[in-house]
Amino acid sequence: MTTELTEHRPAVRAWLELLRDPATLQARGALSRQVTRDGPRSYCCLGVAEQARPNSRWVHRDLVDRRRNRYGAHVLFVAVHDDDPAEVDEVDEANEVDEVRYTELLRLSAGALNPATARWLGVEERDPCVALPGDLVDAFPHGAVQTLSYLNDALQLPLATIADVIERQPFNWDGTYERADATVRGWRIEEEKS
């Protein structure tokens, strides 16, 4: 479905296509994770945006660097982009980095979009806010404002539903709370009129 948002923003269109791709596996609690060396890689909705950005790849310290959180043991990955030399400094062919560089990269994108990826998508926030349409999310029948990470991790919405939410944002969506709140208020006014 083409909307004003996707018509004028090819980056958002590429992101939505990847969110809806059945081959894209969903992660929670990390941009990207992998449980075993040979296992599939999964992504949260923001990690999918990093993956959709051209020239992206994922770095990690090594597969021994396992972290445990409420989502289980996994290897954390951090996105870097080959079109930004500062990001790929000190990354070897195996996409491994030393602990200091990994920590710097992790701080840059921990649980949120890389700043350059946010700019690529045309949003101001690294964890963009969206206006939640009441007809898509039963928990919020009159709409609400939430961050994309909240939709992915707390509400555990499927990636395709998150894509539907993003697609329903107005053409001037910028990921800020203020813009999302104004959108929800507009929907409520329209709802009251009908």
C-alpha atoms as a PDB file:
ATOM      1  CA  MET A   1       0.000   0.000   0.000  1.00  0.00           C
ATOM      2  CA  THR A   2       1.384   3.384  -0.955  1.00  0.00           C
ATOM      3  CA  THR A   3       0.605   6.279   1.355  1.00  0.00           C
ATOM      4  CA  GLU A   4       1.797   9.868   1.346  1.00  0.00           C
ATOM      5  CA  LEU A   5       4.447   8.848   3.863  1.00  0.00           C
ATOM      6  CA  THR A   6       5.861   5.991   1.795  1.00  0.00           C
ATOM      7  CA  GLU A   7       5.407   7.791  -1.518  1.00  0.00           C
ATOM      8  CA  HIS A   8       7.735  10.600  -0.458  1.00  0.00           C
ATOM      9  CA  ARG A   9      10.145   8.584   1.674  1.00  0.00           C
ATOM     10  CA  PRO A  10      11.814   5.681  -0.112  1.00  0.00           C
ATOM     11  CA  ALA A  11      13.798   4.848   3.039  1.00  0.00           C
ATOM     12  CA  VAL A  12      10.591   4.299   5.017  1.00  0.00           C
ATOM     13  CA  ARG A  13       9.181   2.244   2.140  1.00  0.00           C
ATOM     14  CA  ALA A  14      12.273  -0.023   2.170  1.00  0.00           C
ATOM     15  CA  TRP A  15      11.965  -0.402   5.958  1.00  0.00           C
ATOM     16  CA  LEU A  16       8.274  -1.344   5.760  1.00  0.00           C
ATOM     17  CA  GLU A  17       8.955  -3.917   3.051  1.00  0.00           C
ATOM     18  CA  LEU A  18      11.566  -5.601   5.240  1.00  0.00           C
ATOM     19  CA  LEU A  19       9.274  -5.455   8.306  1.00  0.00           C
ATOM     20  CA  ARG A  20       6.620  -7.311   6.295  1.00  0.00           C
ATOM     21  CA  ASP A  21       9.012  -9.867   4.816  1.00  0.00           C
ATOM     22  CA  PRO A  22       8.102 -13.266   6.331  1.00  0.00           C
ATOM     23  CA  ALA A  23      11.805 -14.183   6.334  1.00  0.00           C
ATOM     24  CA  THR A  24      12.563 -11.378   8.824  1.00  0.00           C
ATOM     25  CA  LEU A  25      12.624 -12.882  12.315  1.00  0.00           C
ATOM     26  CA  GLN A  26      11.643 -10.722  15.288  1.00  0.00           C
ATOM     27  CA  ALA A  27      13.864 -10.080  18.311  1.00  0.00           C
ATOM     28  CA  ARG A  28      12.964  -8.449  21.573  1.00  0.00           C
ATOM     29  CA  GLY A  29      15.275  -6.529  23.892  1.00  0.00           C
ATOM     30  CA  ALA A  30      18.045  -5.903  21.328  1.00  0.00           C
ATOM     31  CA  LEU A  31      18.395  -4.424  17.853  1.00  0.00           C
ATOM     32  CA  SER A  32      19.693  -7.761  16.637  1.00  0.00           C
ATOM     33  CA  ARG A  33      20.548 -11.019  18.308  1.00  0.00           C
ATOM     34  CA  GLN A  34      21.589 -14.530  17.504  1.00  0.00           C
ATOM     35  CA  VAL A  35      21.279 -17.434  19.924  1.00  0.00           C
ATOM     36  CA  THR A  36      23.835 -19.765  18.307  1.00  0.00           C
ATOM     37  CA  ARG A  37      26.667 -19.343  15.826  1.00  0.00           C
ATOM     38  CA  ASP A  38      24.698 -21.111  13.091  1.00  0.00           C
ATOM     39  CA  GLY A  39      21.286 -19.942  14.215  1.00  0.00           C
ATOM     40  CA  PRO A  40      19.206 -17.335  12.464  1.00  0.00           C
ATOM     41  CA  ARG A  41      19.639 -13.655  13.228  1.00  0.00           C
ATOM     42  CA  SER A  42      16.567 -11.824  14.500  1.00  0.00           C
ATOM     43  CA  TYR A  43      15.830  -8.097  14.665  1.00  0.00           C
ATOM     44  CA  CYS A  44      13.573  -5.749  16.581  1.00  0.00           C
ATOM     45  CA  CYS A  45      11.630  -3.241  14.486  1.00  0.00           C
ATOM     46  CA  LEU A  46      14.435  -0.661  14.869  1.00  0.00           C
ATOM     47  CA  GLY A  47      17.044  -3.287  13.963  1.00  0.00           C
ATOM     48  CA  VAL A  48      15.082  -3.929  10.772  1.00  0.00           C
ATOM     49  CA  ALA A  49      15.501  -0.228   9.928  1.00  0.00           C
ATOM     50  CA  GLU A  50      19.249  -0.569  10.425  1.00  0.00           C
ATOM     51  CA  GLN A  51      19.226  -3.650   8.184  1.00  0.00           C
ATOM     52  CA  ALA A  52      17.204  -1.815   5.504  1.00  0.00           C
ATOM     53  CA  ARG A  53      19.698   1.060   5.345  1.00  0.00           C
ATOM     54  CA  PRO A  54      22.124   0.547   2.457  1.00  0.00           C
ATOM     55  CA  ASN A  55      25.640  -0.667   3.259  1.00  0.00           C
ATOM     56  CA  SER A  56      24.689  -1.965   6.701  1.00  0.00           C
ATOM     57  CA  ARG A  57      26.345  -4.800   8.559  1.00  0.00           C
ATOM     58  CA  TRP A  58      26.398  -5.980  12.139  1.00  0.00           C
ATOM     59  CA  VAL A  59      29.380  -6.204  14.455  1.00  0.00           C
ATOM     60  CA  HIS A  60      29.909  -8.047  17.711  1.00  0.00           C
ATOM     61  CA  ARG A  61      32.761  -8.728  20.104  1.00  0.00           C
ATOM     62  CA  ASP A  62      32.687 -12.480  19.681  1.00  0.00           C
ATOM     63  CA  LEU A  63      30.275 -15.323  20.223  1.00  0.00           C
ATOM     64  CA  VAL A  64      31.580 -15.848  23.754  1.00  0.00           C
ATOM     65  CA  ASP A  65      30.253 -12.416  24.684  1.00  0.00           C
ATOM     66  CA  ARG A  66      26.834 -13.773  25.636  1.00  0.00           C
ATOM     67  CA  ARG A  67      24.470 -11.548  27.491  1.00  0.00           C
ATOM     68  CA  ARG A  68      21.460 -12.733  29.434  1.00  0.00           C
ATOM     69  CA  ASN A  69      18.359 -10.681  29.900  1.00  0.00           C
ATOM     70  CA  ARG A  70      14.682 -11.477  30.190  1.00  0.00           C
ATOM     71  CA  TYR A  71      14.705 -12.564  26.547  1.00  0.00           C
ATOM     72  CA  GLY A  72      17.329 -15.286  27.130  1.00  0.00           C
ATOM     73  CA  ALA A  73      20.993 -15.742  26.287  1.00  0.00           C
ATOM     74  CA  HIS A  74      22.091 -14.217  23.028  1.00  0.00           C
ATOM     75  CA  VAL A  75      24.846 -12.347  21.252  1.00  0.00           C
ATOM     76  CA  LEU A  76      24.253  -8.608  20.904  1.00  0.00           C
ATOM     77  CA  PHE A  77      24.988  -7.047  17.544  1.00  0.00           C
ATOM     78  CA  VAL A  78      25.486  -3.394  16.713  1.00  0.00           C
ATOM     79  CA  ALA A  79      24.804  -1.996  13.240  1.00  0.00           C
ATOM     80  CA  VAL A  80      27.513  -0.159  11.335  1.00  0.00           C
ATOM     81  CA  HIS A  81      27.299   1.241   7.841  1.00  0.00           C
ATOM     82  CA  ASP A  82      30.081   1.027   5.304  1.00  0.00           C
ATOM     83  CA  ASP A  83      29.201   4.455   3.918  1.00  0.00           C
ATOM     84  CA  ASP A  84      30.310   6.006   7.227  1.00  0.00           C
ATOM     85  CA  PRO A  85      34.067   5.442   7.701  1.00  0.00           C
ATOM     86  CA  ALA A  86      33.940   6.560  11.346  1.00  0.00           C
ATOM     87  CA  GLU A  87      31.548   3.703  12.132  1.00  0.00           C
ATOM     88  CA  VAL A  88      33.576   0.939  10.533  1.00  0.00           C
ATOM     89  CA  ASP A  89      36.934   2.001  11.948  1.00  0.00           C
ATOM     90  CA  GLU A  90      38.649  -1.004  13.568  1.00  0.00           C
ATOM     91  CA  VAL A  91      36.086  -3.563  12.352  1.00  0.00           C
ATOM     92  CA  ASP A  92      37.786  -6.694  11.029  1.00  0.00           C
ATOM     93  CA  GLU A  93      36.682  -9.038   8.227  1.00  0.00           C
ATOM     94  CA  ALA A  94      34.823 -11.266  10.705  1.00  0.00           C
ATOM     95  CA  ASN A  95      32.784  -8.228  11.822  1.00  0.00           C
ATOM     96  CA  GLU A  96      34.365  -8.366  15.254  1.00  0.00           C
ATOM     97  CA  VAL A  97      35.639  -5.369  17.173  1.00  0.00           C
ATOM     98  CA  ASP A  98      37.637  -4.981  20.358  1.00  0.00           C
ATOM     99  CA  GLU A  99      35.852  -4.345  23.630  1.00  0.00           C
ATOM    100  CA  VAL A 100      36.469  -0.592  23.716  1.00  0.00           C
ATOM    101  CA  ARG A 101      35.179   0.018  20.173  1.00  0.00           C
ATOM    102  CA  TYR A 102      32.232  -2.354  20.711  1.00  0.00           C
ATOM    103  CA  THR A 103      31.253  -0.419  23.843  1.00  0.00           C
ATOM    104  CA  GLU A 104      31.434   2.874  21.910  1.00  0.00           C
ATOM    105  CA  LEU A 105      29.268   1.473  19.112  1.00  0.00           C
ATOM    106  CA  LEU A 106      26.825  -0.056  21.588  1.00  0.00           C
ATOM    107  CA  ARG A 107      26.460   3.279  23.381  1.00  0.00           C
ATOM    108  CA  LEU A 108      25.738   4.923  20.021  1.00  0.00           C
ATOM    109  CA  SER A 109      22.884   2.576  19.189  1.00  0.00           C
ATOM    110  CA  ALA A 110      21.861   0.783  22.388  1.00  0.00           C
ATOM    111  CA  GLY A 111      18.199  -0.008  21.895  1.00  0.00           C
ATOM    112  CA  ALA A 112      17.720   2.832  19.439  1.00  0.00           C
ATOM    113  CA  LEU A 113      18.450   3.856  15.882  1.00  0.00           C
ATOM    114  CA  ASN A 114      21.903   4.960  14.897  1.00  0.00           C
ATOM    115  CA  PRO A 115      21.636   8.786  14.511  1.00  0.00           C
ATOM    116  CA  ALA A 116      22.503   8.526  10.806  1.00  0.00           C
ATOM    117  CA  THR A 117      19.773   5.920  10.287  1.00  0.00           C
ATOM    118  CA  ALA A 118      17.244   8.189  12.009  1.00  0.00           C
ATOM    119  CA  ARG A 119      18.227  10.960   9.569  1.00  0.00           C
ATOM    120  CA  TRP A 120      17.987   8.499   6.641  1.00  0.00           C
ATOM    121  CA  LEU A 121      14.403   7.700   7.679  1.00  0.00           C
ATOM    122  CA  GLY A 122      13.563  11.375   8.228  1.00  0.00           C
ATOM    123  CA  VAL A 123      12.830  11.096  11.961  1.00  0.00           C
ATOM    124  CA  GLU A 124      14.211  13.220  14.771  1.00  0.00           C
ATOM    125  CA  GLU A 125      14.089  10.622  17.536  1.00  0.00           C
ATOM    126  CA  ARG A 126      16.279   7.525  17.781  1.00  0.00           C
ATOM    127  CA  ASP A 127      13.331   5.591  19.256  1.00  0.00           C
ATOM    128  CA  PRO A 128      10.565   7.230  17.234  1.00  0.00           C
ATOM    129  CA  CYS A 129       7.125   7.858  18.670  1.00  0.00           C
ATOM    130  CA  VAL A 130       4.109   6.857  16.638  1.00  0.00           C
ATOM    131  CA  ALA A 131       0.431   7.589  16.827  1.00  0.00           C
ATOM    132  CA  LEU A 132      -1.217   4.248  17.515  1.00  0.00           C
ATOM    133  CA  PRO A 133      -4.454   3.836  15.566  1.00  0.00           C
ATOM    134  CA  GLY A 134      -7.182   2.422  17.827  1.00  0.00           C
ATOM    135  CA  ASP A 135      -8.373   0.001  15.167  1.00  0.00           C
ATOM    136  CA  LEU A 136      -4.944  -1.684  14.972  1.00  0.00           C
ATOM    137  CA  VAL A 137      -4.204  -2.115  18.675  1.00  0.00           C
ATOM    138  CA  ASP A 138      -7.044  -3.302  20.891  1.00  0.00           C
ATOM    139  CA  ALA A 139      -5.291  -2.153  24.077  1.00  0.00           C
ATOM    140  CA  PHE A 140      -5.667   1.459  22.905  1.00  0.00           C
ATOM    141  CA  PRO A 141      -9.126   1.742  21.275  1.00  0.00           C
ATOM    142  CA  HIS A 142      -8.975   5.543  21.125  1.00  0.00           C
ATOM    143  CA  GLY A 143      -5.373   5.764  20.006  1.00  0.00           C
ATOM    144  CA  ALA A 144      -2.251   6.523  21.963  1.00  0.00           C
ATOM    145  CA  VAL A 145       1.349   7.635  21.549  1.00  0.00           C
ATOM    146  CA  GLN A 146       4.046   5.003  22.019  1.00  0.00           C
ATOM    147  CA  THR A 147       7.630   4.440  20.974  1.00  0.00           C
ATOM    148  CA  LEU A 148       8.431   1.794  18.403  1.00  0.00           C
ATOM    149  CA  SER A 149      10.568  -0.126  20.907  1.00  0.00           C
ATOM    150  CA  TYR A 150       7.544  -0.274  23.237  1.00  0.00           C
ATOM    151  CA  LEU A 151       5.411  -1.749  20.458  1.00  0.00           C
ATOM    152  CA  ASN A 152       8.088  -4.342  19.744  1.00  0.00           C
ATOM    153  CA  ASP A 153       9.217  -5.279  23.271  1.00  0.00           C
ATOM    154  CA  ALA A 154       6.359  -4.521  25.681  1.00  0.00           C
ATOM    155  CA  LEU A 155       3.258  -4.956  23.520  1.00  0.00           C
ATOM    156  CA  GLN A 156       5.039  -7.646  21.462  1.00  0.00           C
ATOM    157  CA  LEU A 157       3.266  -6.622  18.272  1.00  0.00           C
ATOM    158  CA  PRO A 158       4.337  -8.586  15.189  1.00  0.00           C
ATOM    159  CA  LEU A 159       6.673  -6.772  12.791  1.00  0.00           C
ATOM    160  CA  ALA A 160       3.960  -6.627  10.108  1.00  0.00           C
ATOM    161  CA  THR A 161       1.565  -4.885  12.529  1.00  0.00           C
ATOM    162  CA  ILE A 162       4.288  -2.412  13.463  1.00  0.00           C
ATOM    163  CA  ALA A 163       4.713  -1.745   9.723  1.00  0.00           C
ATOM    164  CA  ASP A 164       0.952  -1.059   9.498  1.00  0.00           C
ATOM    165  CA  VAL A 165       1.226   1.415  12.398  1.00  0.00           C
ATOM    166  CA  ILE A 166       4.158   3.226  10.766  1.00  0.00           C
ATOM    167  CA  GLU A 167       2.348   3.347   7.453  1.00  0.00           C
ATOM    168  CA  ARG A 168      -0.623   5.083   9.095  1.00  0.00           C
ATOM    169  CA  GLN A 169       1.536   8.017  10.238  1.00  0.00           C
ATOM    170  CA  PRO A 170       0.987  11.327   8.448  1.00  0.00           C
ATOM    171  CA  PHE A 171       3.330  12.360   5.633  1.00  0.00           C
ATOM    172  CA  ASN A 172       5.103  14.798   7.989  1.00  0.00           C
ATOM    173  CA  TRP A 173       5.836  12.128  10.649  1.00  0.00           C
ATOM    174  CA  ASP A 174       9.078  12.999  12.404  1.00  0.00           C
ATOM    175  CA  GLY A 175       9.070  10.519  15.290  1.00  0.00           C
ATOM    176  CA  THR A 176       8.587  13.163  17.980  1.00  0.00           C
ATOM    177  CA  TYR A 177       6.075  12.808  20.788  1.00  0.00           C
ATOM    178  CA  GLU A 178       4.529  16.164  19.873  1.00  0.00           C
ATOM    179  CA  ARG A 179       3.778  15.207  16.258  1.00  0.00           C
ATOM    180  CA  ALA A 180       2.400  11.795  17.260  1.00  0.00           C
ATOM    181  CA  ASP A 181       0.239  13.348  19.977  1.00  0.00           C
ATOM    182  CA  ALA A 182      -1.165  15.908  17.535  1.00  0.00           C
ATOM    183  CA  THR A 183      -2.038  13.040  15.169  1.00  0.00           C
ATOM    184  CA  VAL A 184      -3.876  11.119  17.909  1.00  0.00           C
ATOM    185  CA  ARG A 185      -5.787  14.262  18.935  1.00  0.00           C
ATOM    186  CA  GLY A 186      -6.788  14.762  15.293  1.00  0.00           C
ATOM    187  CA  TRP A 187      -8.058  11.181  15.064  1.00  0.00           C
ATOM    188  CA  ARG A 188     -10.099  11.644  18.258  1.00  0.00           C
ATOM    189  CA  ILE A 189     -11.696  14.833  16.901  1.00  0.00           C
ATOM    190  CA  GLU A 190     -12.625  12.986  13.698  1.00  0.00           C
ATOM    191  CA  GLU A 191     -13.993  10.089  15.765  1.00  0.00           C
ATOM    192  CA  GLU A 192     -16.175  12.455  17.815  1.00  0.00           C
ATOM    193  CA  LYS A 193     -17.577  14.048  14.640  1.00  0.00           C
ATOM    194  CA  SER A 194     -18.748  10.700  13.275  1.00  0.00           C
END
